[in-house]
Amino acid sequence: MGLGCGKKAILKEVMTIVSQREIAPSIFEMVLTGDLVQQMEAGQFLHIRVPDASKLLRRPISISEIDKDKEQVTIVYRVERAGTAILSQLKVGDRLDVMGPQGNGFDLSVVGNGQTALLIGGGIGVPPLVETAKQLYEKGVKVISVIGFANKDAAILEEKLCQYGDVYVTTDDGSYGIKGYVSTVIDGFDWIADAIYSCGAPGMLKYVDKRFENHPHAFISMEERMACGMGACYACVVHLKNESEVANKRVCEDGPIFPTGTIVL
């Protein structure tokens, strides 16, 4: 069956678990291998079927790292309910039904050698920034990351991001790094990055969206509950600020990456 103009093929594969470990309380890092890795981009996500007949909906999980040479992808997820709890119990060699990569990735073409990129992440929104930082670093971009967590126990992926540039860590309670929010650090900067990439909780994204509303190359990655993950059910709709355009966009198909200043948060 042919695809309409502009439509992307929905790819699916049974991928194999290479490793899995708990990197913070209730937060797990899983490495999968399969042919789909060759199609993946920073900022996209995988739609994973929980291996339990009672769990009908797939779980959308952001891509954290991509190794196309080894055909391996790393995902980092937090155990929220029964579905992700089942995923956390899987072992090396177990197989998962995966759709993807889905959504659009971060546009890394807008920044190049000698320029600066600011990466902003909060909580479980930090994982997709790792591959983003890696690819920017390989282009000669100066990468500065500001990542925020509730407390020291929740802090993840600082060491990986440190491979690619300076990292500022904040915690709400001051138990690690700088006490406060990502805004505490960013509002103190006396410079403006050439490109901004962010992912995290709604409150943090609202701050980034307002702070960099008129920046030409600032992007936010939305996290929404999804059903089909293919743009058919309209369960993950966001509204546009510019009412002269189409009234809404789907996070799974049109996102999860959007330019700042374009959607209602």
C-alpha atoms as a PDB file:
ATOM      1  CA  MET A   1       0.000   0.000   0.000  1.00  0.00           C
ATOM      2  CA  GLY A   2       1.468   3.338  -1.034  1.00  0.00           C
ATOM      3  CA  LEU A   3       1.960   6.259   1.327  1.00  0.00           C
ATOM      4  CA  GLY A   4       0.355   9.631   0.724  1.00  0.00           C
ATOM      5  CA  CYS A   5       2.528  12.655   0.089  1.00  0.00           C
ATOM      6  CA  GLY A   6       4.409  13.620   3.248  1.00  0.00           C
ATOM      7  CA  LYS A   7       3.381  10.506   5.206  1.00  0.00           C
ATOM      8  CA  LYS A   8       5.951   8.523   7.138  1.00  0.00           C
ATOM      9  CA  ALA A   9       6.002   4.746   7.190  1.00  0.00           C
ATOM     10  CA  ILE A  10       5.108   3.234  10.554  1.00  0.00           C
ATOM     11  CA  LEU A  11       7.974   0.867  11.343  1.00  0.00           C
ATOM     12  CA  LYS A  12       7.764  -1.981  13.815  1.00  0.00           C
ATOM     13  CA  GLU A  13      10.249  -4.549  15.065  1.00  0.00           C
ATOM     14  CA  VAL A  14      10.684  -7.060  17.857  1.00  0.00           C
ATOM     15  CA  MET A  15      13.838  -5.748  19.532  1.00  0.00           C
ATOM     16  CA  THR A  16      16.063  -7.573  22.014  1.00  0.00           C
ATOM     17  CA  ILE A  17      17.107  -6.296  25.434  1.00  0.00           C
ATOM     18  CA  VAL A  18      20.897  -6.017  25.713  1.00  0.00           C
ATOM     19  CA  SER A  19      21.014  -4.604  29.240  1.00  0.00           C
ATOM     20  CA  GLN A  20      18.826  -3.114  31.928  1.00  0.00           C
ATOM     21  CA  ARG A  21      19.726  -1.432  35.219  1.00  0.00           C
ATOM     22  CA  GLU A  22      18.205   0.873  37.807  1.00  0.00           C
ATOM     23  CA  ILE A  23      20.108   4.173  37.726  1.00  0.00           C
ATOM     24  CA  ALA A  24      18.059   5.990  40.399  1.00  0.00           C
ATOM     25  CA  PRO A  25      15.086   5.014  42.567  1.00  0.00           C
ATOM     26  CA  SER A  26      12.370   3.762  40.172  1.00  0.00           C
ATOM     27  CA  ILE A  27      14.308   4.992  37.108  1.00  0.00           C
ATOM     28  CA  PHE A  28      15.669   2.397  34.697  1.00  0.00           C
ATOM     29  CA  GLU A  29      18.061   2.441  31.764  1.00  0.00           C
ATOM     30  CA  MET A  30      17.352  -0.166  29.081  1.00  0.00           C
ATOM     31  CA  VAL A  31      19.442  -0.892  25.982  1.00  0.00           C
ATOM     32  CA  LEU A  32      17.728  -2.507  22.982  1.00  0.00           C
ATOM     33  CA  THR A  33      19.148  -3.798  19.718  1.00  0.00           C
ATOM     34  CA  GLY A  34      17.545  -4.101  16.301  1.00  0.00           C
ATOM     35  CA  ASP A  35      17.475  -2.799  12.744  1.00  0.00           C
ATOM     36  CA  LEU A  36      15.224   0.141  13.665  1.00  0.00           C
ATOM     37  CA  VAL A  37      18.190   1.882  15.284  1.00  0.00           C
ATOM     38  CA  GLN A  38      19.433   2.952  11.845  1.00  0.00           C
ATOM     39  CA  GLN A  39      16.339   5.153  11.429  1.00  0.00           C
ATOM     40  CA  MET A  40      16.522   6.939  14.793  1.00  0.00           C
ATOM     41  CA  GLU A  41      17.197  10.626  15.448  1.00  0.00           C
ATOM     42  CA  ALA A  42      17.796  12.628  18.620  1.00  0.00           C
ATOM     43  CA  GLY A  43      14.498  13.758  20.122  1.00  0.00           C
ATOM     44  CA  GLN A  44      12.326  10.977  18.723  1.00  0.00           C
ATOM     45  CA  PHE A  45      10.579   8.333  20.817  1.00  0.00           C
ATOM     46  CA  LEU A  46       9.707   4.634  20.751  1.00  0.00           C
ATOM     47  CA  HIS A  47       6.204   3.253  21.265  1.00  0.00           C
ATOM     48  CA  ILE A  48       6.644   0.035  23.230  1.00  0.00           C
ATOM     49  CA  ARG A  49       4.113  -2.730  23.801  1.00  0.00           C
ATOM     50  CA  VAL A  50       4.127  -4.011  27.376  1.00  0.00           C
ATOM     51  CA  PRO A  51       4.435  -7.829  27.252  1.00  0.00           C
ATOM     52  CA  ASP A  52       1.175  -8.360  29.122  1.00  0.00           C
ATOM     53  CA  ALA A  53      -2.138  -9.066  27.403  1.00  0.00           C
ATOM     54  CA  SER A  54      -4.023  -6.853  29.873  1.00  0.00           C
ATOM     55  CA  LYS A  55      -2.008  -3.760  28.851  1.00  0.00           C
ATOM     56  CA  LEU A  56      -3.573  -2.638  25.591  1.00  0.00           C
ATOM     57  CA  LEU A  57      -1.851   0.706  25.066  1.00  0.00           C
ATOM     58  CA  ARG A  58       1.799   1.068  24.140  1.00  0.00           C
ATOM     59  CA  ARG A  59       4.131   3.213  26.261  1.00  0.00           C
ATOM     60  CA  PRO A  60       5.897   6.165  24.578  1.00  0.00           C
ATOM     61  CA  ILE A  61       9.500   6.399  25.815  1.00  0.00           C
ATOM     62  CA  SER A  62      12.062   8.936  24.619  1.00  0.00           C
ATOM     63  CA  ILE A  63      15.262   7.867  22.917  1.00  0.00           C
ATOM     64  CA  SER A  64      18.253   8.711  25.111  1.00  0.00           C
ATOM     65  CA  GLU A  65      21.251   7.390  23.157  1.00  0.00           C
ATOM     66  CA  ILE A  66      21.768   5.956  19.673  1.00  0.00           C
ATOM     67  CA  ASP A  67      24.648   3.720  18.583  1.00  0.00           C
ATOM     68  CA  LYS A  68      24.142   2.919  14.915  1.00  0.00           C
ATOM     69  CA  ASP A  69      27.409   0.983  14.656  1.00  0.00           C
ATOM     70  CA  LYS A  70      26.267  -1.486  17.320  1.00  0.00           C
ATOM     71  CA  GLU A  71      22.588  -1.104  16.323  1.00  0.00           C
ATOM     72  CA  GLN A  72      21.737  -0.272  19.932  1.00  0.00           C
ATOM     73  CA  VAL A  73      19.385   2.317  21.421  1.00  0.00           C
ATOM     74  CA  THR A  74      19.229   3.372  25.056  1.00  0.00           C
ATOM     75  CA  ILE A  75      15.988   4.433  26.704  1.00  0.00           C
ATOM     76  CA  VAL A  76      15.545   5.757  30.235  1.00  0.00           C
ATOM     77  CA  TYR A  77      12.133   5.554  31.885  1.00  0.00           C
ATOM     78  CA  ARG A  78      10.514   5.958  35.269  1.00  0.00           C
ATOM     79  CA  VAL A  79       8.237   3.327  36.795  1.00  0.00           C
ATOM     80  CA  GLU A  80       4.897   5.087  37.095  1.00  0.00           C
ATOM     81  CA  ARG A  81       2.249   2.364  37.051  1.00  0.00           C
ATOM     82  CA  ALA A  82       1.813  -1.326  36.338  1.00  0.00           C
ATOM     83  CA  GLY A  83       2.913  -1.146  32.691  1.00  0.00           C
ATOM     84  CA  THR A  84       6.329   0.379  33.282  1.00  0.00           C
ATOM     85  CA  ALA A  85       6.708  -1.834  36.375  1.00  0.00           C
ATOM     86  CA  ILE A  86       6.454  -4.844  34.058  1.00  0.00           C
ATOM     87  CA  LEU A  87       9.076  -3.352  31.736  1.00  0.00           C
ATOM     88  CA  SER A  88      11.431  -2.872  34.684  1.00  0.00           C
ATOM     89  CA  GLN A  89      11.316  -6.597  35.487  1.00  0.00           C
ATOM     90  CA  LEU A  90      12.452  -7.741  32.036  1.00  0.00           C
ATOM     91  CA  LYS A  91      15.851  -9.375  31.635  1.00  0.00           C
ATOM     92  CA  VAL A  92      18.683  -9.468  29.106  1.00  0.00           C
ATOM     93  CA  GLY A  93      17.563 -11.490  26.090  1.00  0.00           C
ATOM     94  CA  ASP A  94      13.877 -10.702  26.521  1.00  0.00           C
ATOM     95  CA  ARG A  95      12.203  -9.202  23.466  1.00  0.00           C
ATOM     96  CA  LEU A  96       9.908  -6.214  23.052  1.00  0.00           C
ATOM     97  CA  ASP A  97       7.489  -5.233  20.296  1.00  0.00           C
ATOM     98  CA  VAL A  98       8.585  -1.709  19.336  1.00  0.00           C
ATOM     99  CA  MET A  99       7.059   0.835  16.959  1.00  0.00           C
ATOM    100  CA  GLY A 100       9.182   3.732  15.838  1.00  0.00           C
ATOM    101  CA  PRO A 101      11.151   5.803  15.732  1.00  0.00           C
ATOM    102  CA  GLN A 102       8.174   8.151  15.995  1.00  0.00           C
ATOM    103  CA  GLY A 103       7.723  11.895  16.003  1.00  0.00           C
ATOM    104  CA  ASN A 104      10.103  14.544  14.748  1.00  0.00           C
ATOM    105  CA  GLY A 105      13.581  14.948  16.182  1.00  0.00           C
ATOM    106  CA  PHE A 106      15.380  18.061  17.414  1.00  0.00           C
ATOM    107  CA  ASP A 107      16.510  20.263  14.527  1.00  0.00           C
ATOM    108  CA  LEU A 108      20.277  20.270  14.990  1.00  0.00           C
ATOM    109  CA  SER A 109      20.951  21.868  11.602  1.00  0.00           C
ATOM    110  CA  VAL A 110      20.328  25.384  12.945  1.00  0.00           C
ATOM    111  CA  VAL A 111      23.611  25.483  14.874  1.00  0.00           C
ATOM    112  CA  GLY A 112      27.156  24.673  13.792  1.00  0.00           C
ATOM    113  CA  ASN A 113      30.862  24.687  14.593  1.00  0.00           C
ATOM    114  CA  GLY A 114      31.855  27.412  17.056  1.00  0.00           C
ATOM    115  CA  GLN A 115      28.310  28.243  18.092  1.00  0.00           C
ATOM    116  CA  THR A 116      26.669  27.542  21.457  1.00  0.00           C
ATOM    117  CA  ALA A 117      23.678  25.363  22.347  1.00  0.00           C
ATOM    118  CA  LEU A 118      21.822  25.469  25.658  1.00  0.00           C
ATOM    119  CA  LEU A 119      20.178  22.221  26.721  1.00  0.00           C
ATOM    120  CA  ILE A 120      17.513  22.439  29.429  1.00  0.00           C
ATOM    121  CA  GLY A 121      16.064  19.353  31.077  1.00  0.00           C
ATOM    122  CA  GLY A 122      13.971  18.447  34.077  1.00  0.00           C
ATOM    123  CA  GLY A 123      13.554  15.041  35.714  1.00  0.00           C
ATOM    124  CA  ILE A 124      12.706  12.276  33.258  1.00  0.00           C
ATOM    125  CA  GLY A 125      12.917  14.902  30.488  1.00  0.00           C
ATOM    126  CA  VAL A 126      16.713  14.811  30.713  1.00  0.00           C
ATOM    127  CA  PRO A 127      17.314  11.502  28.814  1.00  0.00           C
ATOM    128  CA  PRO A 128      16.627  12.787  25.259  1.00  0.00           C
ATOM    129  CA  LEU A 129      19.190  15.536  25.803  1.00  0.00           C
ATOM    130  CA  VAL A 130      22.070  13.031  25.992  1.00  0.00           C
ATOM    131  CA  GLU A 131      22.011  12.074  22.308  1.00  0.00           C
ATOM    132  CA  THR A 132      21.288  15.697  21.432  1.00  0.00           C
ATOM    133  CA  ALA A 133      24.385  16.819  23.336  1.00  0.00           C
ATOM    134  CA  LYS A 134      26.513  14.122  21.733  1.00  0.00           C
ATOM    135  CA  GLN A 135      25.557  15.023  18.169  1.00  0.00           C
ATOM    136  CA  LEU A 136      25.981  18.745  18.778  1.00  0.00           C
ATOM    137  CA  TYR A 137      29.409  18.164  20.350  1.00  0.00           C
ATOM    138  CA  GLU A 138      30.462  16.124  17.318  1.00  0.00           C
ATOM    139  CA  LYS A 139      29.537  19.115  15.118  1.00  0.00           C
ATOM    140  CA  GLY A 140      31.865  21.376  17.085  1.00  0.00           C
ATOM    141  CA  VAL A 141      29.081  23.113  18.978  1.00  0.00           C
ATOM    142  CA  LYS A 142      29.750  24.300  22.533  1.00  0.00           C
ATOM    143  CA  VAL A 143      27.163  22.514  24.679  1.00  0.00           C
ATOM    144  CA  ILE A 144      25.960  23.840  28.034  1.00  0.00           C
ATOM    145  CA  SER A 145      23.349  21.814  29.930  1.00  0.00           C
ATOM    146  CA  VAL A 146      21.128  22.935  32.795  1.00  0.00           C
ATOM    147  CA  ILE A 147      19.233  20.049  34.383  1.00  0.00           C
ATOM    148  CA  GLY A 148      16.871  20.129  37.349  1.00  0.00           C
ATOM    149  CA  PHE A 149      15.567  17.489  39.752  1.00  0.00           C
ATOM    150  CA  ALA A 150      13.452  17.280  42.894  1.00  0.00           C
ATOM    151  CA  ASN A 151      16.367  16.063  45.034  1.00  0.00           C
ATOM    152  CA  LYS A 152      19.758  14.323  44.955  1.00  0.00           C
ATOM    153  CA  ASP A 153      18.263  10.819  44.666  1.00  0.00           C
ATOM    154  CA  ALA A 154      16.393  11.781  41.496  1.00  0.00           C
ATOM    155  CA  ALA A 155      19.436  13.239  39.708  1.00  0.00           C
ATOM    156  CA  ILE A 156      20.389  11.258  36.591  1.00  0.00           C
ATOM    157  CA  LEU A 157      22.711  11.402  33.575  1.00  0.00           C
ATOM    158  CA  GLU A 158      24.945  14.227  34.775  1.00  0.00           C
ATOM    159  CA  GLU A 159      28.097  12.204  34.034  1.00  0.00           C
ATOM    160  CA  LYS A 160      26.974  11.414  30.489  1.00  0.00           C
ATOM    161  CA  LEU A 161      26.182  15.038  29.714  1.00  0.00           C
ATOM    162  CA  CYS A 162      29.520  16.117  31.205  1.00  0.00           C
ATOM    163  CA  GLN A 163      31.248  14.264  28.333  1.00  0.00           C
ATOM    164  CA  TYR A 164      29.952  16.925  25.949  1.00  0.00           C
ATOM    165  CA  GLY A 165      30.195  20.188  27.881  1.00  0.00           C
ATOM    166  CA  ASP A 166      29.517  22.098  31.075  1.00  0.00           C
ATOM    167  CA  VAL A 167      26.601  20.899  33.198  1.00  0.00           C
ATOM    168  CA  TYR A 168      24.693  22.821  35.865  1.00  0.00           C
ATOM    169  CA  VAL A 169      22.537  20.696  38.204  1.00  0.00           C
ATOM    170  CA  THR A 170      19.746  22.128  40.332  1.00  0.00           C
ATOM    171  CA  THR A 171      17.584  20.475  42.986  1.00  0.00           C
ATOM    172  CA  ASP A 172      14.373  21.835  44.452  1.00  0.00           C
ATOM    173  CA  ASP A 173      15.513  21.146  48.014  1.00  0.00           C
ATOM    174  CA  GLY A 174      19.199  21.982  47.577  1.00  0.00           C
ATOM    175  CA  SER A 175      20.324  18.451  48.454  1.00  0.00           C
ATOM    176  CA  TYR A 176      22.619  18.440  45.414  1.00  0.00           C
ATOM    177  CA  GLY A 177      24.033  21.075  43.089  1.00  0.00           C
ATOM    178  CA  ILE A 178      22.376  24.488  43.089  1.00  0.00           C
ATOM    179  CA  LYS A 179      19.244  24.993  45.165  1.00  0.00           C
ATOM    180  CA  GLY A 180      16.347  26.102  43.010  1.00  0.00           C
ATOM    181  CA  TYR A 181      15.048  25.454  39.524  1.00  0.00           C
ATOM    182  CA  VAL A 182      16.658  25.544  36.073  1.00  0.00           C
ATOM    183  CA  SER A 183      15.443  29.146  35.883  1.00  0.00           C
ATOM    184  CA  THR A 184      17.690  29.988  38.859  1.00  0.00           C
ATOM    185  CA  VAL A 185      20.722  29.273  36.673  1.00  0.00           C
ATOM    186  CA  ILE A 186      19.445  30.434  33.288  1.00  0.00           C
ATOM    187  CA  ASP A 187      18.214  33.805  34.515  1.00  0.00           C
ATOM    188  CA  GLY A 188      21.768  34.486  35.709  1.00  0.00           C
ATOM    189  CA  PHE A 189      23.352  33.976  32.292  1.00  0.00           C
ATOM    190  CA  ASP A 190      24.548  37.147  30.585  1.00  0.00           C
ATOM    191  CA  TRP A 191      24.636  35.503  27.174  1.00  0.00           C
ATOM    192  CA  ILE A 192      22.113  33.967  24.761  1.00  0.00           C
ATOM    193  CA  ALA A 193      22.719  30.610  23.098  1.00  0.00           C
ATOM    194  CA  ASP A 194      22.489  30.195  19.341  1.00  0.00           C
ATOM    195  CA  ALA A 195      20.079  27.283  19.824  1.00  0.00           C
ATOM    196  CA  ILE A 196      18.034  25.975  22.756  1.00  0.00           C
ATOM    197  CA  TYR A 197      16.704  22.451  23.249  1.00  0.00           C
ATOM    198  CA  SER A 198      14.515  21.489  26.210  1.00  0.00           C
ATOM    199  CA  CYS A 199      12.436  18.665  27.625  1.00  0.00           C
ATOM    200  CA  GLY A 200      10.765  18.280  30.998  1.00  0.00           C
ATOM    201  CA  ALA A 201       7.689  18.877  33.118  1.00  0.00           C
ATOM    202  CA  PRO A 202       4.956  21.320  31.998  1.00  0.00           C
ATOM    203  CA  GLY A 203       5.992  24.006  34.489  1.00  0.00           C
ATOM    204  CA  MET A 204       9.563  24.002  33.235  1.00  0.00           C
ATOM    205  CA  LEU A 205       8.475  24.066  29.602  1.00  0.00           C
ATOM    206  CA  LYS A 206       6.208  27.041  30.288  1.00  0.00           C
ATOM    207  CA  TYR A 207       9.217  28.896  31.655  1.00  0.00           C
ATOM    208  CA  VAL A 208      11.388  27.986  28.632  1.00  0.00           C
ATOM    209  CA  ASP A 209       8.597  28.864  26.215  1.00  0.00           C
ATOM    210  CA  LYS A 210       8.100  32.316  27.772  1.00  0.00           C
ATOM    211  CA  ARG A 211      11.794  33.021  28.341  1.00  0.00           C
ATOM    212  CA  PHE A 212      12.736  32.197  24.745  1.00  0.00           C
ATOM    213  CA  GLU A 213       9.442  32.892  23.011  1.00  0.00           C
ATOM    214  CA  ASN A 214      11.035  35.039  20.310  1.00  0.00           C
ATOM    215  CA  HIS A 215      14.266  33.090  19.936  1.00  0.00           C
ATOM    216  CA  PRO A 216      14.647  31.898  16.313  1.00  0.00           C
ATOM    217  CA  HIS A 217      16.049  28.489  17.238  1.00  0.00           C
ATOM    218  CA  ALA A 218      14.503  27.395  20.545  1.00  0.00           C
ATOM    219  CA  PHE A 219      12.637  24.101  20.850  1.00  0.00           C
ATOM    220  CA  ILE A 220      10.592  22.281  23.482  1.00  0.00           C
ATOM    221  CA  SER A 221       9.830  18.565  23.593  1.00  0.00           C
ATOM    222  CA  MET A 222       6.338  17.761  24.823  1.00  0.00           C
ATOM    223  CA  GLU A 223       5.455  14.776  26.990  1.00  0.00           C
ATOM    224  CA  GLU A 224       1.840  13.648  26.594  1.00  0.00           C
ATOM    225  CA  ARG A 225      -0.149  10.505  27.267  1.00  0.00           C
ATOM    226  CA  MET A 226      -0.808   8.748  23.959  1.00  0.00           C
ATOM    227  CA  ALA A 227      -3.102   6.058  22.658  1.00  0.00           C
ATOM    228  CA  CYS A 228      -2.365   5.031  19.063  1.00  0.00           C
ATOM    229  CA  GLY A 229       0.906   6.965  18.743  1.00  0.00           C
ATOM    230  CA  MET A 230       0.339   7.300  14.995  1.00  0.00           C
ATOM    231  CA  GLY A 231      -1.719  10.493  14.812  1.00  0.00           C
ATOM    232  CA  ALA A 232      -5.035   8.747  14.165  1.00  0.00           C
ATOM    233  CA  CYS A 233      -6.806   9.022  17.521  1.00  0.00           C
ATOM    234  CA  TYR A 234      -6.092  12.675  18.402  1.00  0.00           C
ATOM    235  CA  ALA A 235      -5.606  11.778  22.073  1.00  0.00           C
ATOM    236  CA  CYS A 236      -2.420  13.874  22.397  1.00  0.00           C
ATOM    237  CA  VAL A 237      -3.511  17.159  20.842  1.00  0.00           C
ATOM    238  CA  VAL A 238      -1.975  20.555  21.656  1.00  0.00           C
ATOM    239  CA  HIS A 239      -3.390  23.885  20.510  1.00  0.00           C
ATOM    240  CA  LEU A 240      -1.543  26.495  18.491  1.00  0.00           C
ATOM    241  CA  LYS A 241      -1.158  30.088  19.638  1.00  0.00           C
ATOM    242  CA  ASN A 242      -1.631  31.358  16.088  1.00  0.00           C
ATOM    243  CA  GLU A 243      -5.321  30.782  15.438  1.00  0.00           C
ATOM    244  CA  SER A 244      -4.898  31.522  11.742  1.00  0.00           C
ATOM    245  CA  GLU A 245      -3.220  28.108  11.428  1.00  0.00           C
ATOM    246  CA  VAL A 246      -4.773  24.669  11.905  1.00  0.00           C
ATOM    247  CA  ALA A 247      -6.369  24.662  15.357  1.00  0.00           C
ATOM    248  CA  ASN A 248      -4.288  21.869  16.834  1.00  0.00           C
ATOM    249  CA  LYS A 249      -1.296  19.596  16.422  1.00  0.00           C
ATOM    250  CA  ARG A 250      -0.704  16.000  17.510  1.00  0.00           C
ATOM    251  CA  VAL A 251       2.261  15.441  19.818  1.00  0.00           C
ATOM    252  CA  CYS A 252       2.895  11.933  18.466  1.00  0.00           C
ATOM    253  CA  GLU A 253       2.854  12.849  14.775  1.00  0.00           C
ATOM    254  CA  ASP A 254       3.502  16.606  14.514  1.00  0.00           C
ATOM    255  CA  GLY A 255       5.717  16.700  17.636  1.00  0.00           C
ATOM    256  CA  PRO A 256       6.983  15.927  20.146  1.00  0.00           C
ATOM    257  CA  ILE A 257       9.319  18.828  19.240  1.00  0.00           C
ATOM    258  CA  PHE A 258       7.808  22.290  18.725  1.00  0.00           C
ATOM    259  CA  PRO A 259       9.422  25.725  18.352  1.00  0.00           C
ATOM    260  CA  THR A 260       8.915  27.978  21.368  1.00  0.00           C
ATOM    261  CA  GLY A 261       6.093  30.470  21.118  1.00  0.00           C
ATOM    262  CA  THR A 262       3.956  28.289  18.847  1.00  0.00           C
ATOM    263  CA  ILE A 263       1.758  26.115  21.113  1.00  0.00           C
ATOM    264  CA  VAL A 264      -0.447  26.718  24.139  1.00  0.00           C
ATOM    265  CA  LEU A 265       1.083  25.259  27.281  1.00  0.00           C
END
